[in-house]
Structures are given as C-alpha cells and as structure tokens.
Amino acid sequence: IDALTGEPLVMDDGRWFKDGAGGMGEIAKLRDGSASQG
C-alpha cells in the first residue's frame, strides 16, 4: 500500500519492487498455473 496515497502500489510499466510482501514472487509460477510438468 502506497503510504502517501493510500492506494495499492501497482507497477504497470515494466517496473517491480524488490521482495514485495516478503518474497511473494517465489510462488509466481504456482500461482500462474505454469509450474514445471516434470
């Protein structure tokens, strides 16, 4: 949450934040349904 605007901080132009929300990016593949098929 942007502490100055009070809105969710969404990067929509190719930018990202480091370790947002405690490293949630680690589960991106599982969340996107694109996990390795083995």
PDB file of all heavy atoms in Angstrom:
ATOM      1  N   ILE A   1       0.859  -1.182   0.000  1.00  0.00           N
ATOM      2  CA  ILE A   1       0.000   0.000   0.000  1.00  0.00           C
ATOM      3  C   ILE A   1       0.894   1.231   0.000  1.00  0.00           C
ATOM      4  O   ILE A   1       1.763   1.382   0.872  1.00  0.00           O
ATOM      5  CB  ILE A   1      -0.930   0.040   1.230  1.00  0.00           C
ATOM      6  CG1 ILE A   1      -1.821  -1.217   1.282  1.00  0.00           C
ATOM      7  CG2 ILE A   1      -1.762   1.311   1.228  1.00  0.00           C
ATOM      8  CD1 ILE A   1      -2.821  -1.314   0.173  1.00  0.00           C
ATOM      9  N   ASP A   2       0.711   2.110  -0.977  1.00  0.00           N
ATOM     10  CA  ASP A   2       1.467   3.367  -1.004  1.00  0.00           C
ATOM     11  C   ASP A   2       1.079   4.169   0.230  1.00  0.00           C
ATOM     12  O   ASP A   2      -0.091   4.511   0.426  1.00  0.00           O
ATOM     13  CB  ASP A   2       1.142   4.134  -2.286  1.00  0.00           C
ATOM     14  CG  ASP A   2       2.058   5.338  -2.492  1.00  0.00           C
ATOM     15  OD1 ASP A   2       2.174   6.151  -1.547  1.00  0.00           O
ATOM     16  OD2 ASP A   2       2.640   5.477  -3.577  1.00  0.00           O
ATOM     17  N   ALA A   3       2.069   4.469   1.061  1.00  0.00           N
ATOM     18  CA  ALA A   3       1.782   5.117   2.343  1.00  0.00           C
ATOM     19  C   ALA A   3       1.384   6.573   2.190  1.00  0.00           C
ATOM     20  O   ALA A   3       0.882   7.172   3.145  1.00  0.00           O
ATOM     21  CB  ALA A   3       2.994   5.004   3.268  1.00  0.00           C
ATOM     22  N   LEU A   4       1.605   7.173   1.024  1.00  0.00           N
ATOM     23  CA  LEU A   4       1.265   8.582   0.825  1.00  0.00           C
ATOM     24  C   LEU A   4      -0.081   8.747   0.132  1.00  0.00           C
ATOM     25  O   LEU A   4      -0.827   9.682   0.425  1.00  0.00           O
ATOM     26  CB  LEU A   4       2.361   9.278   0.020  1.00  0.00           C
ATOM     27  CG  LEU A   4       3.753   9.274   0.691  1.00  0.00           C
ATOM     28  CD1 LEU A   4       4.774   9.986  -0.182  1.00  0.00           C
ATOM     29  CD2 LEU A   4       3.693   9.918   2.073  1.00  0.00           C
ATOM     30  N   THR A   5      -0.402   7.841  -0.789  1.00  0.00           N
ATOM     31  CA  THR A   5      -1.684   7.947  -1.490  1.00  0.00           C
ATOM     32  C   THR A   5      -2.763   7.066  -0.882  1.00  0.00           C
ATOM     33  O   THR A   5      -3.949   7.294  -1.108  1.00  0.00           O
ATOM     34  CB  THR A   5      -1.515   7.556  -2.970  1.00  0.00           C
ATOM     35  OG1 THR A   5      -1.223   6.149  -3.056  1.00  0.00           O
ATOM     36  CG2 THR A   5      -0.396   8.354  -3.619  1.00  0.00           C
ATOM     37  N   GLY A   6      -2.357   6.040  -0.153  1.00  0.00           N
ATOM     38  CA  GLY A   6      -3.320   5.116   0.421  1.00  0.00           C
ATOM     39  C   GLY A   6      -3.867   4.114  -0.568  1.00  0.00           C
ATOM     40  O   GLY A   6      -4.822   3.391  -0.259  1.00  0.00           O
ATOM     41  N   GLU A   7      -3.259   4.030  -1.757  1.00  0.00           N
ATOM     42  CA  GLU A   7      -3.709   3.106  -2.783  1.00  0.00           C
ATOM     43  C   GLU A   7      -2.712   1.960  -2.931  1.00  0.00           C
ATOM     44  O   GLU A   7      -1.528   2.118  -2.627  1.00  0.00           O
ATOM     45  CB  GLU A   7      -3.857   3.832  -4.125  1.00  0.00           C
ATOM     46  CG  GLU A   7      -4.889   4.943  -4.125  1.00  0.00           C
ATOM     47  CD  GLU A   7      -6.301   4.429  -3.911  1.00  0.00           C
ATOM     48  OE1 GLU A   7      -6.587   3.302  -4.365  1.00  0.00           O
ATOM     49  OE2 GLU A   7      -7.111   5.148  -3.288  1.00  0.00           O
ATOM     50  N   PRO A   8      -3.172   0.791  -3.426  1.00  0.00           N
ATOM     51  CA  PRO A   8      -2.231  -0.299  -3.705  1.00  0.00           C
ATOM     52  C   PRO A   8      -1.160   0.171  -4.688  1.00  0.00           C
ATOM     53  O   PRO A   8      -1.459   0.880  -5.657  1.00  0.00           O
ATOM     54  CB  PRO A   8      -3.117  -1.383  -4.320  1.00  0.00           C
ATOM     55  CG  PRO A   8      -4.483  -1.105  -3.774  1.00  0.00           C
ATOM     56  CD  PRO A   8      -4.577   0.388  -3.668  1.00  0.00           C
ATOM     57  N   LEU A   9       0.079  -0.223  -4.440  1.00  0.00           N
ATOM     58  CA  LEU A   9       1.200   0.199  -5.279  1.00  0.00           C
ATOM     59  C   LEU A   9       1.363  -0.822  -6.399  1.00  0.00           C
ATOM     60  O   LEU A   9       1.933  -1.894  -6.206  1.00  0.00           O
ATOM     61  CB  LEU A   9       2.478   0.300  -4.445  1.00  0.00           C
ATOM     62  CG  LEU A   9       3.726   0.800  -5.170  1.00  0.00           C
ATOM     63  CD1 LEU A   9       3.484   2.174  -5.776  1.00  0.00           C
ATOM     64  CD2 LEU A   9       4.909   0.856  -4.206  1.00  0.00           C
ATOM     65  N   VAL A  10       0.855  -0.487  -7.571  1.00  0.00           N
ATOM     66  CA  VAL A  10       0.888  -1.389  -8.715  1.00  0.00           C
ATOM     67  C   VAL A  10       1.848  -0.833  -9.751  1.00  0.00           C
ATOM     68  O   VAL A  10       1.718   0.309 -10.179  1.00  0.00           O
ATOM     69  CB  VAL A  10      -0.514  -1.558  -9.334  1.00  0.00           C
ATOM     70  CG1 VAL A  10      -0.445  -2.459 -10.561  1.00  0.00           C
ATOM     71  CG2 VAL A  10      -1.480  -2.128  -8.305  1.00  0.00           C
ATOM     72  N   MET A  11       2.811  -1.646 -10.131  1.00  0.00           N
ATOM     73  CA  MET A  11       3.761  -1.267 -11.174  1.00  0.00           C
ATOM     74  C   MET A  11       3.248  -1.817 -12.505  1.00  0.00           C
ATOM     75  O   MET A  11       3.222  -3.028 -12.712  1.00  0.00           O
ATOM     76  CB  MET A  11       5.148  -1.837 -10.877  1.00  0.00           C
ATOM     77  CG  MET A  11       5.761  -1.355  -9.568  1.00  0.00           C
ATOM     78  SD  MET A  11       6.206   0.390  -9.608  1.00  0.00           S
ATOM     79  CE  MET A  11       4.854   1.112  -8.665  1.00  0.00           C
ATOM     80  N   ASP A  12       2.820  -0.934 -13.399  1.00  0.00           N
ATOM     81  CA  ASP A  12       2.240  -1.387 -14.657  1.00  0.00           C
ATOM     82  C   ASP A  12       3.063  -0.988 -15.869  1.00  0.00           C
ATOM     83  O   ASP A  12       2.584  -1.008 -16.989  1.00  0.00           O
ATOM     84  CB  ASP A  12       0.821  -0.839 -14.812  1.00  0.00           C
ATOM     85  CG  ASP A  12       0.780   0.689 -14.759  1.00  0.00           C
ATOM     86  OD1 ASP A  12       1.851   1.308 -14.587  1.00  0.00           O
ATOM     87  OD2 ASP A  12      -0.322   1.247 -14.907  1.00  0.00           O
ATOM     88  N   ASP A  13       4.321  -0.617 -15.655  1.00  0.00           N
ATOM     89  CA  ASP A  13       5.140  -0.172 -16.785  1.00  0.00           C
ATOM     90  C   ASP A  13       6.482  -0.895 -16.813  1.00  0.00           C
ATOM     91  O   ASP A  13       7.504  -0.330 -17.165  1.00  0.00           O
ATOM     92  CB  ASP A  13       5.351   1.340 -16.726  1.00  0.00           C
ATOM     93  CG  ASP A  13       5.925   1.801 -15.380  1.00  0.00           C
ATOM     94  OD1 ASP A  13       6.110   0.930 -14.507  1.00  0.00           O
ATOM     95  OD2 ASP A  13       6.188   2.996 -15.209  1.00  0.00           O
ATOM     96  N   GLY A  14       6.473  -2.149 -16.443  1.00  0.00           N
ATOM     97  CA  GLY A  14       7.706  -2.932 -16.519  1.00  0.00           C
ATOM     98  C   GLY A  14       8.588  -2.808 -15.300  1.00  0.00           C
ATOM     99  O   GLY A  14       9.675  -3.368 -15.263  1.00  0.00           O
ATOM    100  N   ARG A  15       8.133  -2.081 -14.275  1.00  0.00           N
ATOM    101  CA  ARG A  15       8.921  -1.956 -13.048  1.00  0.00           C
ATOM    102  C   ARG A  15       8.418  -2.942 -11.999  1.00  0.00           C
ATOM    103  O   ARG A  15       7.324  -3.480 -12.105  1.00  0.00           O
ATOM    104  CB  ARG A  15       8.842  -0.523 -12.507  1.00  0.00           C
ATOM    105  CG  ARG A  15       9.383   0.531 -13.458  1.00  0.00           C
ATOM    106  CD  ARG A  15       9.305   1.908 -12.838  1.00  0.00           C
ATOM    107  NE  ARG A  15       7.925   2.276 -12.524  1.00  0.00           N
ATOM    108  CZ  ARG A  15       7.592   3.280 -11.703  1.00  0.00           C
ATOM    109  NH1 ARG A  15       8.527   3.976 -11.094  1.00  0.00           N
ATOM    110  NH2 ARG A  15       6.335   3.562 -11.469  1.00  0.00           N
ATOM    111  N   TRP A  16       9.220  -3.149 -10.989  1.00  0.00           N
ATOM    112  CA  TRP A  16       8.818  -4.040  -9.904  1.00  0.00           C
ATOM    113  C   TRP A  16       9.523  -3.585  -8.635  1.00  0.00           C
ATOM    114  O   TRP A  16      10.431  -2.763  -8.654  1.00  0.00           O
ATOM    115  CB  TRP A  16       9.166  -5.494 -10.224  1.00  0.00           C
ATOM    116  CG  TRP A  16      10.631  -5.789 -10.294  1.00  0.00           C
ATOM    117  CD1 TRP A  16      11.445  -6.222  -9.292  1.00  0.00           C
ATOM    118  CD2 TRP A  16      11.483  -5.644 -11.444  1.00  0.00           C
ATOM    119  NE1 TRP A  16      12.726  -6.373  -9.738  1.00  0.00           N
ATOM    120  CE2 TRP A  16      12.787  -6.032 -11.053  1.00  0.00           C
ATOM    121  CE3 TRP A  16      11.278  -5.233 -12.757  1.00  0.00           C
ATOM    122  CZ2 TRP A  16      13.870  -6.006 -11.931  1.00  0.00           C
ATOM    123  CZ3 TRP A  16      12.350  -5.218 -13.625  1.00  0.00           C
ATOM    124  CH2 TRP A  16      13.626  -5.601 -13.205  1.00  0.00           C
ATOM    125  N   PHE A  17       9.066  -4.098  -7.513  1.00  0.00           N
ATOM    126  CA  PHE A  17       9.676  -3.773  -6.243  1.00  0.00           C
ATOM    127  C   PHE A  17      10.359  -5.012  -5.699  1.00  0.00           C
ATOM    128  O   PHE A  17       9.935  -6.129  -5.938  1.00  0.00           O
ATOM    129  CB  PHE A  17       8.651  -3.260  -5.223  1.00  0.00           C
ATOM    130  CG  PHE A  17       7.264  -3.733  -5.471  1.00  0.00           C
ATOM    131  CD1 PHE A  17       6.885  -5.015  -5.131  1.00  0.00           C
ATOM    132  CD2 PHE A  17       6.339  -2.909  -6.078  1.00  0.00           C
ATOM    133  CE1 PHE A  17       5.603  -5.470  -5.369  1.00  0.00           C
ATOM    134  CE2 PHE A  17       5.053  -3.356  -6.323  1.00  0.00           C
ATOM    135  CZ  PHE A  17       4.682  -4.628  -5.974  1.00  0.00           C
ATOM    136  N   LYS A  18      11.422  -4.807  -4.989  1.00  0.00           N
ATOM    137  CA  LYS A  18      12.220  -5.922  -4.503  1.00  0.00           C
ATOM    138  C   LYS A  18      11.559  -6.568  -3.305  1.00  0.00           C
ATOM    139  O   LYS A  18      11.258  -5.914  -2.311  1.00  0.00           O
ATOM    140  CB  LYS A  18      13.624  -5.439  -4.119  1.00  0.00           C
ATOM    141  CG  LYS A  18      14.553  -6.558  -3.664  1.00  0.00           C
ATOM    142  CD  LYS A  18      15.933  -6.024  -3.358  1.00  0.00           C
ATOM    143  CE  LYS A  18      16.865  -7.154  -2.929  1.00  0.00           C
ATOM    144  NZ  LYS A  18      18.208  -6.650  -2.593  1.00  0.00           N
ATOM    145  N   ASP A  19      11.324  -7.910  -3.423  1.00  0.00           N
ATOM    146  CA  ASP A  19      10.798  -8.696  -2.305  1.00  0.00           C
ATOM    147  C   ASP A  19       9.522  -8.112  -1.730  1.00  0.00           C
ATOM    148  O   ASP A  19       9.327  -8.062  -0.526  1.00  0.00           O
ATOM    149  CB  ASP A  19      11.847  -8.832  -1.178  1.00  0.00           C
ATOM    150  CG  ASP A  19      13.039  -9.630  -1.639  1.00  0.00           C
ATOM    151  OD1 ASP A  19      12.878 -10.424  -2.578  1.00  0.00           O
ATOM    152  OD2 ASP A  19      14.126  -9.443  -1.072  1.00  0.00           O
ATOM    153  N   GLY A  20       8.643  -7.639  -2.600  1.00  0.00           N
ATOM    154  CA  GLY A  20       7.379  -7.115  -2.116  1.00  0.00           C
ATOM    155  C   GLY A  20       6.620  -8.143  -1.305  1.00  0.00           C
ATOM    156  O   GLY A  20       6.515  -9.303  -1.681  1.00  0.00           O
ATOM    157  N   ALA A  21       6.070  -7.716  -0.184  1.00  0.00           N
ATOM    158  CA  ALA A  21       5.271  -8.583   0.685  1.00  0.00           C
ATOM    159  C   ALA A  21       6.019  -9.829   1.116  1.00  0.00           C
ATOM    160  O   ALA A  21       5.468 -10.902   1.259  1.00  0.00           O
ATOM    161  CB  ALA A  21       3.967  -8.972   0.004  1.00  0.00           C
ATOM    162  N   GLY A  22       7.330  -9.689   1.311  1.00  0.00           N
ATOM    163  CA  GLY A  22       8.087 -10.793   1.865  1.00  0.00           C
ATOM    164  C   GLY A  22       8.389 -11.902   0.892  1.00  0.00           C
ATOM    165  O   GLY A  22       8.373 -13.068   1.244  1.00  0.00           O
ATOM    166  N   GLY A  23       8.681 -11.538  -0.385  1.00  0.00           N
ATOM    167  CA  GLY A  23       9.102 -12.555  -1.341  1.00  0.00           C
ATOM    168  C   GLY A  23       7.966 -13.344  -1.951  1.00  0.00           C
ATOM    169  O   GLY A  23       8.098 -14.515  -2.244  1.00  0.00           O
ATOM    170  N   MET A  24       6.819 -12.690  -2.194  1.00  0.00           N
ATOM    171  CA  MET A  24       5.688 -13.410  -2.771  1.00  0.00           C
ATOM    172  C   MET A  24       5.978 -13.889  -4.181  1.00  0.00           C
ATOM    173  O   MET A  24       5.336 -14.789  -4.684  1.00  0.00           O
ATOM    174  CB  MET A  24       4.450 -12.501  -2.793  1.00  0.00           C
ATOM    175  CG  MET A  24       3.892 -12.207  -1.410  1.00  0.00           C
ATOM    176  SD  MET A  24       3.343 -13.680  -0.550  1.00  0.00           S
ATOM    177  CE  MET A  24       2.003 -14.206  -1.598  1.00  0.00           C
ATOM    178  N   GLY A  25       6.976 -13.273  -4.847  1.00  0.00           N
ATOM    179  CA  GLY A  25       7.291 -13.682  -6.204  1.00  0.00           C
ATOM    180  C   GLY A  25       7.749 -15.115  -6.306  1.00  0.00           C
ATOM    181  O   GLY A  25       7.735 -15.709  -7.381  1.00  0.00           O
ATOM    182  N   GLU A  26       8.159 -15.706  -5.202  1.00  0.00           N
ATOM    183  CA  GLU A  26       8.657 -17.074  -5.250  1.00  0.00           C
ATOM    184  C   GLU A  26       7.586 -18.065  -5.656  1.00  0.00           C
ATOM    185  O   GLU A  26       7.878 -19.143  -6.150  1.00  0.00           O
ATOM    186  CB  GLU A  26       9.211 -17.472  -3.870  1.00  0.00           C
ATOM    187  CG  GLU A  26      10.437 -16.654  -3.467  1.00  0.00           C
ATOM    188  CD  GLU A  26      10.929 -17.045  -2.088  1.00  0.00           C
ATOM    189  OE1 GLU A  26      10.353 -17.980  -1.504  1.00  0.00           O
ATOM    190  OE2 GLU A  26      11.876 -16.431  -1.603  1.00  0.00           O
ATOM    191  N   ILE A  27       6.323 -17.675  -5.469  1.00  0.00           N
ATOM    192  CA  ILE A  27       5.258 -18.614  -5.781  1.00  0.00           C
ATOM    193  C   ILE A  27       4.583 -18.282  -7.098  1.00  0.00           C
ATOM    194  O   ILE A  27       3.575 -18.876  -7.458  1.00  0.00           O
ATOM    195  CB  ILE A  27       4.203 -18.608  -4.619  1.00  0.00           C
ATOM    196  CG1 ILE A  27       3.374 -19.895  -4.617  1.00  0.00           C
ATOM    197  CG2 ILE A  27       3.288 -17.392  -4.739  1.00  0.00           C
ATOM    198  CD1 ILE A  27       4.154 -21.126  -4.274  1.00  0.00           C
ATOM    199  N   ALA A  28       5.159 -17.332  -7.868  1.00  0.00           N
ATOM    200  CA  ALA A  28       4.508 -16.847  -9.082  1.00  0.00           C
ATOM    201  C   ALA A  28       4.179 -17.977 -10.042  1.00  0.00           C
ATOM    202  O   ALA A  28       3.108 -18.022 -10.635  1.00  0.00           O
ATOM    203  CB  ALA A  28       5.386 -15.811  -9.768  1.00  0.00           C
ATOM    204  N   LYS A  29       5.110 -18.896 -10.217  1.00  0.00           N
ATOM    205  CA  LYS A  29       4.855 -19.963 -11.180  1.00  0.00           C
ATOM    206  C   LYS A  29       3.696 -20.844 -10.736  1.00  0.00           C
ATOM    207  O   LYS A  29       2.865 -21.265 -11.541  1.00  0.00           O
ATOM    208  CB  LYS A  29       6.110 -20.811 -11.381  1.00  0.00           C
ATOM    209  CG  LYS A  29       7.201 -20.072 -12.131  1.00  0.00           C
ATOM    210  CD  LYS A  29       8.360 -20.988 -12.439  1.00  0.00           C
ATOM    211  CE  LYS A  29       9.426 -20.281 -13.250  1.00  0.00           C
ATOM    212  NZ  LYS A  29      10.569 -21.165 -13.565  1.00  0.00           N
ATOM    213  N   LEU A  30       3.611 -21.111  -9.442  1.00  0.00           N
ATOM    214  CA  LEU A  30       2.499 -21.920  -8.962  1.00  0.00           C
ATOM    215  C   LEU A  30       1.189 -21.163  -9.117  1.00  0.00           C
ATOM    216  O   LEU A  30       0.176 -21.702  -9.524  1.00  0.00           O
ATOM    217  CB  LEU A  30       2.721 -22.288  -7.489  1.00  0.00           C
ATOM    218  CG  LEU A  30       3.781 -23.352  -7.217  1.00  0.00           C
ATOM    219  CD1 LEU A  30       3.965 -23.493  -5.717  1.00  0.00           C
ATOM    220  CD2 LEU A  30       3.406 -24.681  -7.827  1.00  0.00           C
ATOM    221  N   ARG A  31       1.233 -19.857  -8.826  1.00  0.00           N
ATOM    222  CA  ARG A  31       0.019 -19.068  -8.868  1.00  0.00           C
ATOM    223  C   ARG A  31      -0.474 -18.904 -10.299  1.00  0.00           C
ATOM    224  O   ARG A  31      -1.658 -18.805 -10.554  1.00  0.00           O
ATOM    225  CB  ARG A  31       0.281 -17.696  -8.229  1.00  0.00           C
ATOM    226  CG  ARG A  31      -0.962 -16.887  -8.002  1.00  0.00           C
ATOM    227  CD  ARG A  31      -0.657 -15.641  -7.205  1.00  0.00           C
ATOM    228  NE  ARG A  31       0.295 -14.799  -7.904  1.00  0.00           N
ATOM    229  CZ  ARG A  31       0.958 -13.814  -7.317  1.00  0.00           C
ATOM    230  NH1 ARG A  31       0.798 -13.595  -6.031  1.00  0.00           N
ATOM    231  NH2 ARG A  31       1.806 -13.069  -7.991  1.00  0.00           N
ATOM    232  N   ASP A  32       0.458 -18.850 -11.265  1.00  0.00           N
ATOM    233  CA  ASP A  32       0.081 -18.670 -12.656  1.00  0.00           C
ATOM    234  C   ASP A  32      -0.280 -19.979 -13.330  1.00  0.00           C
ATOM    235  O   ASP A  32      -0.585 -20.003 -14.517  1.00  0.00           O
ATOM    236  CB  ASP A  32       1.234 -18.018 -13.433  1.00  0.00           C
ATOM    237  CG  ASP A  32       1.435 -16.568 -13.027  1.00  0.00           C
ATOM    238  OD1 ASP A  32       0.503 -16.002 -12.441  1.00  0.00           O
ATOM    239  OD2 ASP A  32       2.510 -16.023 -13.299  1.00  0.00           O
ATOM    240  N   GLY A  33      -0.196 -21.093 -12.603  1.00  0.00           N
ATOM    241  CA  GLY A  33      -0.524 -22.365 -13.210  1.00  0.00           C
ATOM    242  C   GLY A  33       0.497 -22.802 -14.220  1.00  0.00           C
ATOM    243  O   GLY A  33       0.220 -23.633 -15.083  1.00  0.00           O
ATOM    244  N   SER A  34       1.734 -22.246 -14.127  1.00  0.00           N
ATOM    245  CA  SER A  34       2.753 -22.598 -15.120  1.00  0.00           C
ATOM    246  C   SER A  34       3.878 -23.374 -14.490  1.00  0.00           C
ATOM    247  O   SER A  34       5.017 -23.258 -14.885  1.00  0.00           O
ATOM    248  CB  SER A  34       3.292 -21.327 -15.773  1.00  0.00           C
ATOM    249  OG  SER A  34       3.762 -20.429 -14.793  1.00  0.00           O
ATOM    250  N   ALA A  35       3.568 -24.162 -13.462  1.00  0.00           N
ATOM    251  CA  ALA A  35       4.604 -24.953 -12.811  1.00  0.00           C
ATOM    252  C   ALA A  35       5.141 -25.999 -13.771  1.00  0.00           C
ATOM    253  O   ALA A  35       4.460 -26.461 -14.673  1.00  0.00           O
ATOM    254  CB  ALA A  35       4.039 -25.634 -11.562  1.00  0.00           C
ATOM    255  N   SER A  36       6.374 -26.401 -13.524  1.00  0.00           N
ATOM    256  CA  SER A  36       7.012 -27.391 -14.388  1.00  0.00           C
ATOM    257  C   SER A  36       6.221 -28.688 -14.400  1.00  0.00           C
ATOM    258  O   SER A  36       5.728 -29.150 -13.379  1.00  0.00           O
ATOM    259  CB  SER A  36       8.433 -27.663 -13.897  1.00  0.00           C
ATOM    260  OG  SER A  36       8.990 -28.759 -14.571  1.00  0.00           O
ATOM    261  N   GLN A  37       6.125 -29.286 -15.565  1.00  0.00           N
ATOM    262  CA  GLN A  37       5.357 -30.519 -15.678  1.00  0.00           C
ATOM    263  C   GLN A  37       6.181 -31.748 -15.366  1.00  0.00           C
ATOM    264  O   GLN A  37       5.682 -32.864 -15.395  1.00  0.00           O
ATOM    265  CB  GLN A  37       4.794 -30.637 -17.092  1.00  0.00           C
ATOM    266  CG  GLN A  37       3.776 -29.543 -17.411  1.00  0.00           C
ATOM    267  CD  GLN A  37       3.063 -29.825 -18.705  1.00  0.00           C
ATOM    268  OE1 GLN A  37       3.059 -30.943 -19.182  1.00  0.00           O
ATOM    269  NE2 GLN A  37       2.469 -28.820 -19.277  1.00  0.00           N
ATOM    270  N   GLY A  38       7.463 -31.570 -15.097  1.00  0.00           N
ATOM    271  CA  GLY A  38       8.285 -32.715 -14.742  1.00  0.00           C
ATOM    272  C   GLY A  38       8.672 -33.522 -15.964  1.00  0.00           C
ATOM    273  O   GLY A  38       8.164 -33.355 -17.063  1.00  0.00           O
TER     274      GLY A  38
END
